[in-house]
Structure formats: structure tokens, C-alpha cells
């Protein structure tokens, strides 16, 4: 039983690190693109996405540093980063994406 708990702790820590890396990549990418690209593609504003990805990065990194116990907040941060990377990043970088 102790082995199962150790495995669970390591798995949650690894997933937390992955979420933190995704959020950091999303934040760095949000900073790189000009504000006009966000407006042109109707993807909210640059400050909005910088704030969302910065908050996601902060939550995910703090969750990892506290031992991986971020729970629902860490999941929300990972979802924000994934939405940015899957939808907003391709649109503002000029490589496709959906614009309604």
C-alpha cells in the first residue's frame, strides 16, 4: 500500500510539473505576439491573455513548490494554458486557428 501512495505522489508531482511548464510556455508565447494580432483575430486582448496565463503559471508553479497539491486550481490553470496553446496561439501567430 505504501508503494501505491508513493507512486501516486510521484505521478501527481510529474503532472504538476507538466502543467507548470505548459503554463509557462503559454505565458512566454502570449508576451511575444503584438497586441494588434489579438485584436485582428478577435481573441480578446493581449492583457487579458497575459493575465490569464500569468495567473495559470503562478498557480501551477506554487502547486508544484508546495508538493503537488494544487487540486482543482492546478487543473484550471492547465486548462487555461491548453486553451491558449490550442486556439489563441495559432491564430495570433498567423498559422491558422479559428476566428468566428
N, C-alpha and C. Protein backbone atom coordinates (compact mmCIF):
# COMPACT_ATOMS: atom_id res chain seq x y z
N UNK A 1 0.81 -1.19 0.00
CA UNK A 1 0.00 0.00 0.00
C UNK A 1 0.86 1.27 0.00
N UNK A 2 1.98 1.20 0.69
CA UNK A 2 2.87 2.36 0.73
C UNK A 2 3.42 2.64 -0.66
N UNK A 3 3.70 1.60 -1.41
CA UNK A 3 4.21 1.76 -2.78
C UNK A 3 3.18 2.47 -3.66
N UNK A 4 1.91 2.13 -3.47
CA UNK A 4 0.85 2.77 -4.26
C UNK A 4 0.77 4.27 -3.94
N UNK A 5 0.90 4.63 -2.68
CA UNK A 5 0.87 6.04 -2.30
C UNK A 5 2.10 6.79 -2.84
N UNK A 6 3.24 6.14 -2.81
CA UNK A 6 4.44 6.77 -3.37
C UNK A 6 4.28 6.99 -4.86
N UNK A 7 3.73 5.99 -5.56
CA UNK A 7 3.50 6.11 -7.00
C UNK A 7 2.53 7.25 -7.29
N UNK A 8 1.48 7.36 -6.50
CA UNK A 8 0.51 8.42 -6.69
C UNK A 8 1.15 9.80 -6.47
N UNK A 9 1.97 9.93 -5.44
CA UNK A 9 2.64 11.19 -5.17
C UNK A 9 3.57 11.60 -6.30
N UNK A 10 4.33 10.64 -6.80
CA UNK A 10 5.25 10.92 -7.91
C UNK A 10 4.48 11.30 -9.16
N UNK A 11 3.39 10.59 -9.43
CA UNK A 11 2.58 10.88 -10.61
C UNK A 11 1.94 12.27 -10.53
N UNK A 12 1.40 12.62 -9.38
CA UNK A 12 0.81 13.95 -9.22
C UNK A 12 1.86 15.05 -9.32
N UNK A 13 3.04 14.80 -8.79
CA UNK A 13 4.12 15.78 -8.91
C UNK A 13 4.54 15.97 -10.37
N UNK A 14 4.66 14.85 -11.10
CA UNK A 14 5.05 14.93 -12.52
C UNK A 14 3.99 15.66 -13.33
N UNK A 15 2.72 15.39 -13.06
CA UNK A 15 1.66 16.09 -13.77
C UNK A 15 1.64 17.58 -13.41
N UNK A 16 1.96 17.89 -12.17
CA UNK A 16 2.05 19.28 -11.76
C UNK A 16 3.17 20.02 -12.47
N UNK A 17 4.31 19.36 -12.60
CA UNK A 17 5.43 19.96 -13.33
C UNK A 17 5.05 20.17 -14.80
N UNK A 18 4.39 19.19 -15.39
CA UNK A 18 3.94 19.32 -16.78
C UNK A 18 2.98 20.50 -16.94
N UNK A 19 2.05 20.64 -16.02
CA UNK A 19 1.10 21.76 -16.08
C UNK A 19 1.83 23.09 -15.93
N UNK A 20 2.82 23.15 -15.05
CA UNK A 20 3.58 24.38 -14.86
C UNK A 20 4.37 24.74 -16.11
N UNK A 21 4.95 23.75 -16.75
CA UNK A 21 5.71 24.00 -17.98
C UNK A 21 4.78 24.48 -19.09
N UNK A 22 3.62 23.84 -19.23
CA UNK A 22 2.65 24.28 -20.24
C UNK A 22 2.22 25.73 -20.00
N UNK A 23 1.94 26.05 -18.76
CA UNK A 23 1.51 27.41 -18.43
C UNK A 23 2.63 28.42 -18.69
N UNK A 24 3.85 28.06 -18.39
CA UNK A 24 4.98 28.95 -18.64
C UNK A 24 5.20 29.17 -20.14
N UNK A 25 5.08 28.11 -20.91
CA UNK A 25 5.20 28.24 -22.38
C UNK A 25 4.10 29.14 -22.92
N UNK A 26 2.87 28.98 -22.41
CA UNK A 26 1.76 29.82 -22.85
C UNK A 26 2.01 31.28 -22.50
N UNK A 27 2.52 31.53 -21.30
CA UNK A 27 2.80 32.91 -20.88
C UNK A 27 3.88 33.54 -21.75
N UNK A 28 4.94 32.82 -22.00
CA UNK A 28 6.03 33.35 -22.83
C UNK A 28 5.52 33.65 -24.24
N UNK A 29 4.68 32.76 -24.77
CA UNK A 29 4.15 32.99 -26.11
C UNK A 29 3.19 34.18 -26.13
N UNK A 30 2.40 34.34 -25.07
CA UNK A 30 1.46 35.48 -25.02
C UNK A 30 2.21 36.81 -25.01
N UNK A 31 3.36 36.83 -24.39
CA UNK A 31 4.16 38.06 -24.34
C UNK A 31 4.78 38.37 -25.70
N UNK A 32 5.12 37.34 -26.45
CA UNK A 32 5.84 37.51 -27.72
C UNK A 32 5.05 38.20 -28.82
N UNK A 33 3.76 37.99 -28.89
CA UNK A 33 2.97 38.47 -30.03
C UNK A 33 2.44 39.88 -29.79
N UNK A 34 2.39 40.69 -30.85
CA UNK A 34 1.89 42.06 -30.71
C UNK A 34 0.40 42.10 -30.39
N UNK A 35 -0.02 43.15 -29.72
CA UNK A 35 -1.42 43.29 -29.30
C UNK A 35 -2.36 43.37 -30.50
N UNK A 36 -1.89 43.89 -31.61
CA UNK A 36 -2.74 44.02 -32.79
C UNK A 36 -3.17 42.66 -33.33
N UNK A 37 -2.33 41.65 -33.17
CA UNK A 37 -2.69 40.32 -33.65
C UNK A 37 -3.89 39.76 -32.89
N UNK A 38 -3.97 40.02 -31.61
CA UNK A 38 -5.10 39.54 -30.80
C UNK A 38 -6.39 40.22 -31.26
N UNK A 39 -6.31 41.51 -31.49
CA UNK A 39 -7.50 42.26 -31.92
C UNK A 39 -7.93 41.83 -33.32
N UNK A 40 -6.98 41.65 -34.20
CA UNK A 40 -7.28 41.28 -35.57
C UNK A 40 -7.98 39.92 -35.64
N UNK A 41 -7.59 39.00 -34.80
CA UNK A 41 -8.15 37.65 -34.82
C UNK A 41 -9.33 37.47 -33.87
N UNK A 42 -9.77 38.56 -33.22
CA UNK A 42 -10.89 38.51 -32.28
C UNK A 42 -10.67 37.49 -31.17
N UNK A 43 -9.51 37.54 -30.54
CA UNK A 43 -9.15 36.62 -29.46
C UNK A 43 -8.98 37.37 -28.14
N UNK A 44 -9.95 38.16 -27.78
CA UNK A 44 -9.89 39.02 -26.59
C UNK A 44 -8.72 40.00 -26.76
N UNK A 45 -8.02 40.33 -25.69
CA UNK A 45 -6.92 41.29 -25.80
C UNK A 45 -5.65 40.66 -25.27
N UNK A 46 -4.53 41.28 -25.61
CA UNK A 46 -3.25 40.79 -25.12
C UNK A 46 -3.17 40.84 -23.60
N UNK A 47 -3.57 41.96 -22.95
CA UNK A 47 -3.51 41.96 -21.48
C UNK A 47 -4.39 40.88 -20.84
N UNK A 48 -5.53 40.58 -21.45
CA UNK A 48 -6.38 39.51 -20.92
C UNK A 48 -5.65 38.18 -20.92
N UNK A 49 -5.06 37.83 -22.06
CA UNK A 49 -4.38 36.54 -22.15
C UNK A 49 -3.09 36.52 -21.36
N UNK A 50 -2.41 37.64 -21.26
CA UNK A 50 -1.22 37.68 -20.41
C UNK A 50 -1.60 37.49 -18.95
N UNK A 51 -2.69 38.11 -18.53
CA UNK A 51 -3.15 37.95 -17.16
C UNK A 51 -3.60 36.52 -16.86
N UNK A 52 -4.36 35.95 -17.78
CA UNK A 52 -4.83 34.57 -17.58
C UNK A 52 -3.67 33.58 -17.54
N UNK A 53 -2.75 33.71 -18.47
CA UNK A 53 -1.63 32.75 -18.49
C UNK A 53 -0.66 33.01 -17.33
N UNK A 54 -0.52 34.27 -16.90
CA UNK A 54 0.32 34.55 -15.74
C UNK A 54 -0.29 33.96 -14.47
N UNK A 55 -1.60 34.09 -14.32
CA UNK A 55 -2.27 33.50 -13.16
C UNK A 55 -2.17 31.98 -13.19
N UNK A 56 -2.33 31.40 -14.38
CA UNK A 56 -2.21 29.95 -14.51
C UNK A 56 -0.80 29.49 -14.17
N UNK A 57 0.20 30.22 -14.63
CA UNK A 57 1.58 29.88 -14.32
C UNK A 57 1.84 29.99 -12.82
N UNK A 58 1.36 31.05 -12.20
CA UNK A 58 1.56 31.25 -10.77
C UNK A 58 0.93 30.11 -9.97
N UNK A 59 -0.30 29.77 -10.30
CA UNK A 59 -0.99 28.70 -9.57
C UNK A 59 -0.28 27.37 -9.75
N UNK A 60 0.11 27.06 -10.98
CA UNK A 60 0.76 25.77 -11.24
C UNK A 60 2.13 25.69 -10.59
N UNK A 61 2.91 26.75 -10.64
CA UNK A 61 4.24 26.73 -10.03
C UNK A 61 4.13 26.65 -8.51
N UNK A 62 3.21 27.40 -7.93
CA UNK A 62 3.03 27.32 -6.48
C UNK A 62 2.54 25.95 -6.05
N UNK A 63 1.72 25.32 -6.88
CA UNK A 63 1.26 23.97 -6.57
C UNK A 63 2.41 22.97 -6.57
N UNK A 64 3.31 23.12 -7.53
CA UNK A 64 4.47 22.22 -7.58
C UNK A 64 5.38 22.47 -6.39
N UNK A 65 5.62 23.73 -6.08
CA UNK A 65 6.51 24.06 -4.97
C UNK A 65 5.95 23.63 -3.61
N UNK A 66 4.62 23.55 -3.52
CA UNK A 66 4.01 23.14 -2.26
C UNK A 66 3.87 21.62 -2.16
N UNK A 67 4.37 20.91 -3.12
CA UNK A 67 4.34 19.45 -3.05
C UNK A 67 3.36 18.81 -4.00
N UNK A 68 2.77 19.57 -4.90
CA UNK A 68 1.90 18.99 -5.90
C UNK A 68 0.45 18.89 -5.50
N UNK A 69 0.04 19.62 -4.50
CA UNK A 69 -1.34 19.54 -4.05
C UNK A 69 -2.20 20.68 -4.52
N UNK A 70 -2.18 21.01 -5.79
CA UNK A 70 -2.94 22.14 -6.31
C UNK A 70 -4.40 21.84 -6.53
N UNK A 71 -4.71 20.59 -6.77
CA UNK A 71 -6.09 20.18 -6.94
C UNK A 71 -6.78 20.86 -8.10
N UNK A 72 -7.97 21.36 -7.84
CA UNK A 72 -8.81 21.93 -8.88
C UNK A 72 -8.20 23.20 -9.48
N UNK A 73 -7.48 23.97 -8.68
CA UNK A 73 -6.88 25.20 -9.20
C UNK A 73 -5.76 24.90 -10.20
N UNK A 74 -5.01 23.85 -9.93
CA UNK A 74 -3.97 23.44 -10.86
C UNK A 74 -4.59 22.94 -12.17
N UNK A 75 -5.69 22.24 -12.06
CA UNK A 75 -6.39 21.77 -13.25
C UNK A 75 -6.93 22.94 -14.07
N UNK A 76 -7.47 23.93 -13.41
CA UNK A 76 -7.98 25.13 -14.11
C UNK A 76 -6.82 25.86 -14.80
N UNK A 77 -5.69 25.98 -14.12
CA UNK A 77 -4.52 26.62 -14.73
C UNK A 77 -4.04 25.87 -15.96
N UNK A 78 -4.02 24.55 -15.88
CA UNK A 78 -3.61 23.75 -17.04
C UNK A 78 -4.60 23.90 -18.19
N UNK A 79 -5.88 24.00 -17.88
CA UNK A 79 -6.89 24.18 -18.93
C UNK A 79 -6.75 25.54 -19.61
N UNK A 80 -6.47 26.58 -18.83
CA UNK A 80 -6.26 27.91 -19.42
C UNK A 80 -5.07 27.88 -20.37
N UNK A 81 -3.98 27.26 -19.93
CA UNK A 81 -2.79 27.18 -20.77
C UNK A 81 -3.07 26.38 -22.04
N UNK A 82 -3.80 25.30 -21.91
CA UNK A 82 -4.11 24.47 -23.09
C UNK A 82 -5.03 25.19 -24.07
N UNK A 83 -6.00 25.95 -23.55
CA UNK A 83 -6.87 26.72 -24.44
C UNK A 83 -6.05 27.76 -25.20
N UNK A 84 -5.15 28.43 -24.49
CA UNK A 84 -4.30 29.41 -25.17
C UNK A 84 -3.46 28.74 -26.26
N UNK A 85 -2.81 27.64 -25.90
CA UNK A 85 -1.90 26.99 -26.84
C UNK A 85 -2.63 26.35 -28.03
N UNK A 86 -3.85 25.88 -27.81
CA UNK A 86 -4.56 25.20 -28.89
C UNK A 86 -5.35 26.14 -29.78
N UNK A 87 -5.84 27.25 -29.24
CA UNK A 87 -6.71 28.12 -30.02
C UNK A 87 -6.11 29.49 -30.29
N UNK A 88 -5.61 30.15 -29.28
CA UNK A 88 -5.17 31.53 -29.44
C UNK A 88 -3.81 31.61 -30.12
N UNK A 89 -2.89 30.77 -29.70
CA UNK A 89 -1.53 30.82 -30.26
C UNK A 89 -1.51 30.66 -31.76
N UNK A 90 -2.18 29.65 -32.34
CA UNK A 90 -2.15 29.54 -33.81
C UNK A 90 -2.76 30.75 -34.51
N UNK A 91 -3.79 31.33 -33.91
CA UNK A 91 -4.44 32.47 -34.55
C UNK A 91 -3.56 33.71 -34.53
N UNK A 92 -2.96 34.03 -33.38
CA UNK A 92 -2.18 35.26 -33.29
C UNK A 92 -0.80 35.12 -33.93
N UNK A 93 -0.34 33.90 -34.15
CA UNK A 93 0.95 33.73 -34.80
C UNK A 93 0.82 33.67 -36.32
N UNK A 94 -0.42 33.68 -36.83
CA UNK A 94 -0.62 33.66 -38.26
C UNK A 94 -0.56 32.27 -38.87
N UNK A 95 -0.65 31.24 -38.05
CA UNK A 95 -0.55 29.87 -38.55
C UNK A 95 -1.88 29.15 -38.55
N UNK A 96 -2.96 29.88 -38.63
CA UNK A 96 -4.28 29.25 -38.63
C UNK A 96 -5.03 29.57 -37.37
N UNK A 97 -5.89 28.68 -36.98
CA UNK A 97 -6.73 28.93 -35.81
C UNK A 97 -8.11 29.33 -36.26
N UNK A 98 -9.03 29.33 -35.34
CA UNK A 98 -10.41 29.64 -35.65
C UNK A 98 -10.71 31.08 -35.26
N UNK A 99 -11.36 31.78 -36.14
CA UNK A 99 -11.87 33.12 -35.81
C UNK A 99 -13.31 33.16 -36.23
N UNK A 100 -14.17 33.40 -35.29
CA UNK A 100 -15.61 33.37 -35.57
C UNK A 100 -16.12 34.73 -35.92
